[in-house]
Amino acid sequence: MLTQTLRAATPTARRVARARVGPQVMSKLFSKIAQVRGTEQTQGAFLGGLRIMAIDGTVMDGGR
């Protein structure tokens, strides 16, 4: 029996693949799979009455 180990693509491999297929394919893929996940009942999905649409990972430490 043949077993195969799968590994996640590296950031470089993903970048090269996106460039190979082009922006139209990536745009079409995004429009097919992107959807709103947080509802009004989802804790943390809204801030100041507005739905949070993206988080970039930035951390600001005001205590320093």
C-alpha atoms as a PDB file:
ATOM      1  CA  MET A   1       0.000   0.000   0.000  1.00  0.00           C
ATOM      2  CA  LEU A   2       1.333   3.411  -0.999  1.00  0.00           C
ATOM      3  CA  THR A   3       1.163   6.141   1.639  1.00  0.00           C
ATOM      4  CA  GLN A   4       1.648   9.793   0.902  1.00  0.00           C
ATOM      5  CA  THR A   5       2.508  12.621   3.259  1.00  0.00           C
ATOM      6  CA  LEU A   6       0.888  15.939   2.428  1.00  0.00           C
ATOM      7  CA  ARG A   7       2.478  19.224   3.432  1.00  0.00           C
ATOM      8  CA  ALA A   8       1.097  22.732   3.341  1.00  0.00           C
ATOM      9  CA  ALA A   9       2.336  24.863   0.471  1.00  0.00           C
ATOM     10  CA  THR A  10       5.005  27.384   1.367  1.00  0.00           C
ATOM     11  CA  PRO A  11       4.253  31.111   1.068  1.00  0.00           C
ATOM     12  CA  THR A  12       6.469  31.252  -2.030  1.00  0.00           C
ATOM     13  CA  ALA A  13       4.627  28.338  -3.662  1.00  0.00           C
ATOM     14  CA  ARG A  14       1.278  30.019  -3.001  1.00  0.00           C
ATOM     15  CA  ARG A  15       2.513  33.321  -4.463  1.00  0.00           C
ATOM     16  CA  VAL A  16       3.835  31.597  -7.590  1.00  0.00           C
ATOM     17  CA  ALA A  17       0.568  29.654  -8.030  1.00  0.00           C
ATOM     18  CA  ARG A  18      -1.526  32.834  -7.691  1.00  0.00           C
ATOM     19  CA  ALA A  19       0.654  34.559 -10.281  1.00  0.00           C
ATOM     20  CA  ARG A  20       0.364  31.567 -12.618  1.00  0.00           C
ATOM     21  CA  VAL A  21      -3.448  31.455 -12.610  1.00  0.00           C
ATOM     22  CA  GLY A  22      -3.861  35.227 -12.749  1.00  0.00           C
ATOM     23  CA  PRO A  23      -6.070  37.768 -10.992  1.00  0.00           C
ATOM     24  CA  GLN A  24      -9.290  36.819 -12.823  1.00  0.00           C
ATOM     25  CA  VAL A  25      -9.205  33.275 -11.446  1.00  0.00           C
ATOM     26  CA  MET A  26      -8.415  34.475  -7.919  1.00  0.00           C
ATOM     27  CA  SER A  27     -11.224  37.057  -8.112  1.00  0.00           C
ATOM     28  CA  LYS A  28     -13.721  34.437  -9.296  1.00  0.00           C
ATOM     29  CA  LEU A  29     -12.635  32.031  -6.551  1.00  0.00           C
ATOM     30  CA  PHE A  30     -13.002  34.755  -3.925  1.00  0.00           C
ATOM     31  CA  SER A  31     -16.499  35.686  -5.121  1.00  0.00           C
ATOM     32  CA  LYS A  32     -17.564  32.020  -4.953  1.00  0.00           C
ATOM     33  CA  ILE A  33     -16.267  31.247  -1.454  1.00  0.00           C
ATOM     34  CA  ALA A  34     -16.201  34.555   0.462  1.00  0.00           C
ATOM     35  CA  GLN A  35     -19.130  35.028   2.780  1.00  0.00           C
ATOM     36  CA  VAL A  36     -20.094  36.860   5.928  1.00  0.00           C
ATOM     37  CA  ARG A  37     -19.466  34.576   8.892  1.00  0.00           C
ATOM     38  CA  GLY A  38     -20.232  36.736  11.900  1.00  0.00           C
ATOM     39  CA  THR A  39     -23.828  37.527  12.781  1.00  0.00           C
ATOM     40  CA  GLU A  40     -25.148  40.012  15.301  1.00  0.00           C
ATOM     41  CA  GLN A  41     -25.034  37.155  17.817  1.00  0.00           C
ATOM     42  CA  THR A  42     -21.342  36.402  17.130  1.00  0.00           C
ATOM     43  CA  GLN A  43     -19.212  37.775  19.953  1.00  0.00           C
ATOM     44  CA  GLY A  44     -16.603  40.213  18.624  1.00  0.00           C
ATOM     45  CA  ALA A  45     -18.043  40.446  15.102  1.00  0.00           C
ATOM     46  CA  PHE A  46     -19.056  44.084  15.565  1.00  0.00           C
ATOM     47  CA  LEU A  47     -17.216  47.096  16.952  1.00  0.00           C
ATOM     48  CA  GLY A  48     -19.018  50.371  17.535  1.00  0.00           C
ATOM     49  CA  GLY A  49     -22.058  49.061  15.666  1.00  0.00           C
ATOM     50  CA  LEU A  50     -20.023  48.188  12.554  1.00  0.00           C
ATOM     51  CA  ARG A  51     -19.222  44.685  11.328  1.00  0.00           C
ATOM     52  CA  ILE A  52     -15.504  43.852  11.441  1.00  0.00           C
ATOM     53  CA  MET A  53     -14.530  42.802   7.921  1.00  0.00           C
ATOM     54  CA  ALA A  54     -10.826  42.032   8.286  1.00  0.00           C
ATOM     55  CA  ILE A  55      -8.144  41.674  10.914  1.00  0.00           C
ATOM     56  CA  ASP A  56      -4.492  42.104   9.925  1.00  0.00           C
ATOM     57  CA  GLY A  57      -2.809  40.862  13.077  1.00  0.00           C
ATOM     58  CA  THR A  58      -1.505  44.274  14.175  1.00  0.00           C
ATOM     59  CA  VAL A  59      -1.067  44.558  17.934  1.00  0.00           C
ATOM     60  CA  MET A  60      -0.816  47.984  19.518  1.00  0.00           C
ATOM     61  CA  ASP A  61       0.455  48.149  23.073  1.00  0.00           C
ATOM     62  CA  GLY A  62      -0.569  51.484  24.559  1.00  0.00           C
ATOM     63  CA  GLY A  63       1.129  50.643  27.854  1.00  0.00           C
ATOM     64  CA  ARG A  64       4.661  51.255  26.636  1.00  0.00           C
END
